[in-house]
Amino acid sequence: MSNTQQLAADDPKLEQISLHYILSFSHEEYGRATSIKNIKDKFTSTPGKPPYQNGIPAEYYDTVKEDKVAPPERKANASIVSLARNGDIDGVVFSMKQMEDRFNKRYGYPYVFLNEEEFTEEFKS
């Protein structure tokens, strides 16, 4: 047995890569489905922006569908706690908007912000 045959027999990943390579060229649909461009498009909807900045999909809004569970009639006695510094104001505002859009506008839980020092007037407003 030659060195190449021995390498192929010892490494099942090499067999998988070879099979993928052959299928990519012999079956056009398989080649399209497994192309890097297609895979990249599945994970990024706006080039150059991280996924969390692409906006909220319509399915997260209050459209009630038969397969979705309605909110409970009684909500838990709770609040949303956030640890934030005065310099984190932009991130806090962004996170609050996402939390409101996806969850809290339906339930209305209060927010509690904790800091190691007194909050500035800019943060409070």
Protein backbone atom coordinates (compact mmCIF):
# COMPACT_ATOMS: atom_id res chain seq x y z
CA MET A 1 0.00 0.00 0.00
CA SER A 2 1.44 3.42 -0.94
CA ASN A 3 1.78 6.34 1.48
CA THR A 4 -1.17 8.16 -0.14
CA GLN A 5 -3.44 5.14 0.15
CA GLN A 6 -2.36 4.64 3.76
CA LEU A 7 -3.10 8.31 4.56
CA ALA A 8 -6.59 8.05 3.02
CA ALA A 9 -7.32 4.84 4.91
CA ASP A 10 -6.21 6.35 8.25
CA ASP A 11 -8.08 9.67 8.01
CA PRO A 12 -11.89 9.57 7.63
CA LYS A 13 -11.94 13.39 7.32
CA LEU A 14 -9.95 13.13 4.11
CA GLU A 15 -12.63 10.81 2.73
CA GLN A 16 -15.34 13.32 3.69
CA ILE A 17 -13.47 16.19 2.05
CA SER A 18 -12.95 14.11 -1.08
CA LEU A 19 -16.64 13.22 -1.20
CA HIS A 20 -17.60 16.87 -0.71
CA TYR A 21 -15.23 17.91 -3.51
CA ILE A 22 -16.66 15.34 -5.92
CA LEU A 23 -20.28 16.21 -5.06
CA SER A 24 -19.60 19.96 -5.43
CA PHE A 25 -18.63 19.47 -9.06
CA SER A 26 -20.96 16.65 -10.03
CA HIS A 27 -24.21 18.00 -8.49
CA GLU A 28 -24.85 21.66 -9.21
CA GLU A 29 -27.50 22.05 -6.48
CA TYR A 30 -25.16 20.60 -3.82
CA GLY A 31 -22.41 22.95 -4.99
CA ARG A 32 -24.70 25.97 -4.64
CA ALA A 33 -26.04 24.90 -1.24
CA THR A 34 -22.58 24.39 0.26
CA SER A 35 -20.84 27.37 -1.34
CA ILE A 36 -19.11 29.79 1.01
CA LYS A 37 -21.20 32.68 -0.36
CA ASN A 38 -24.45 30.85 0.43
CA ILE A 39 -23.30 29.96 3.94
CA LYS A 40 -22.10 33.53 4.55
CA ASP A 41 -25.45 34.95 3.38
CA LYS A 42 -27.25 32.76 5.93
CA PHE A 43 -25.35 34.37 8.80
CA THR A 44 -25.11 37.99 7.64
CA SER A 45 -27.98 39.99 6.26
CA THR A 46 -26.20 43.35 6.04
CA PRO A 47 -22.54 43.31 4.98
CA GLY A 48 -20.18 45.06 7.35
CA LYS A 49 -22.60 45.15 10.30
CA PRO A 50 -22.82 42.72 13.19
CA PRO A 51 -26.05 40.67 13.29
CA TYR A 52 -27.44 42.42 16.38
CA GLN A 53 -27.51 45.77 14.51
CA ASN A 54 -29.66 44.54 11.62
CA GLY A 55 -32.91 45.44 13.32
CA ILE A 56 -35.68 43.35 14.78
CA PRO A 57 -37.43 40.86 12.47
CA ALA A 58 -41.19 41.28 12.19
CA GLU A 59 -41.79 37.90 13.87
CA TYR A 60 -40.69 39.39 17.23
CA TYR A 61 -43.43 41.99 17.28
CA ASP A 62 -46.88 41.55 18.81
CA THR A 63 -48.38 39.62 15.93
CA VAL A 64 -50.14 36.74 17.64
CA LYS A 65 -50.06 33.49 15.74
CA GLU A 66 -51.75 30.20 16.53
CA ASP A 67 -48.46 28.44 17.23
CA LYS A 68 -47.22 31.10 19.66
CA VAL A 69 -48.11 31.06 23.33
CA ALA A 70 -50.05 34.06 24.64
CA PRO A 71 -48.53 35.97 27.56
CA PRO A 72 -49.65 34.76 30.96
CA GLU A 73 -52.51 36.57 32.66
CA ARG A 74 -50.38 36.98 35.79
CA LYS A 75 -46.80 38.06 35.43
CA ALA A 76 -44.00 37.33 37.85
CA ASN A 77 -43.14 39.87 40.54
CA ALA A 78 -39.80 40.86 39.03
CA SER A 79 -37.70 43.63 37.55
CA ILE A 80 -34.92 43.89 34.98
CA VAL A 81 -31.60 44.64 36.69
CA SER A 82 -28.73 46.21 34.77
CA LEU A 83 -25.22 46.91 36.00
CA ALA A 84 -24.04 50.04 34.20
CA ARG A 85 -21.45 52.77 34.51
CA ASN A 86 -22.01 56.37 33.50
CA GLY A 87 -19.89 55.88 30.37
CA ASP A 88 -22.03 52.93 29.21
CA ILE A 89 -25.02 55.08 28.30
CA ASP A 90 -25.01 54.27 24.55
CA GLY A 91 -24.84 50.53 25.16
CA VAL A 92 -27.52 50.70 27.85
CA VAL A 93 -29.90 52.59 25.56
CA PHE A 94 -29.29 50.13 22.73
CA SER A 95 -29.85 47.13 25.02
CA MET A 96 -33.02 48.65 26.47
CA LYS A 97 -34.45 49.22 22.99
CA GLN A 98 -33.80 45.59 22.06
CA MET A 99 -35.26 44.35 25.35
CA GLU A 100 -38.37 46.49 24.90
CA ASP A 101 -38.88 45.44 21.27
CA ARG A 102 -38.45 41.73 21.92
CA PHE A 103 -39.86 41.20 25.39
CA ASN A 104 -40.69 43.96 27.83
CA LYS A 105 -43.28 45.95 25.85
CA ARG A 106 -45.55 42.96 26.32
CA TYR A 107 -44.92 42.54 30.06
CA GLY A 108 -43.90 46.00 31.32
CA TYR A 109 -41.31 45.02 33.94
CA PRO A 110 -39.53 47.97 35.62
CA TYR A 111 -35.80 48.57 35.13
CA VAL A 112 -33.30 48.87 37.98
CA PHE A 113 -29.86 50.28 37.22
CA LEU A 114 -26.95 49.71 39.58
CA ASN A 115 -23.67 51.59 39.55
CA GLU A 116 -20.58 51.78 41.76
CA GLU A 117 -20.96 55.58 41.95
CA GLU A 118 -23.72 58.18 41.64
CA PHE A 119 -25.34 58.34 38.22
CA THR A 120 -24.75 61.52 36.20
CA GLU A 121 -27.63 63.76 35.13
CA GLU A 122 -26.98 62.75 31.51
CA PHE A 123 -27.48 59.10 32.43
CA LYS A 124 -30.64 59.83 34.40
CA SER A 125 -32.24 61.75 31.52
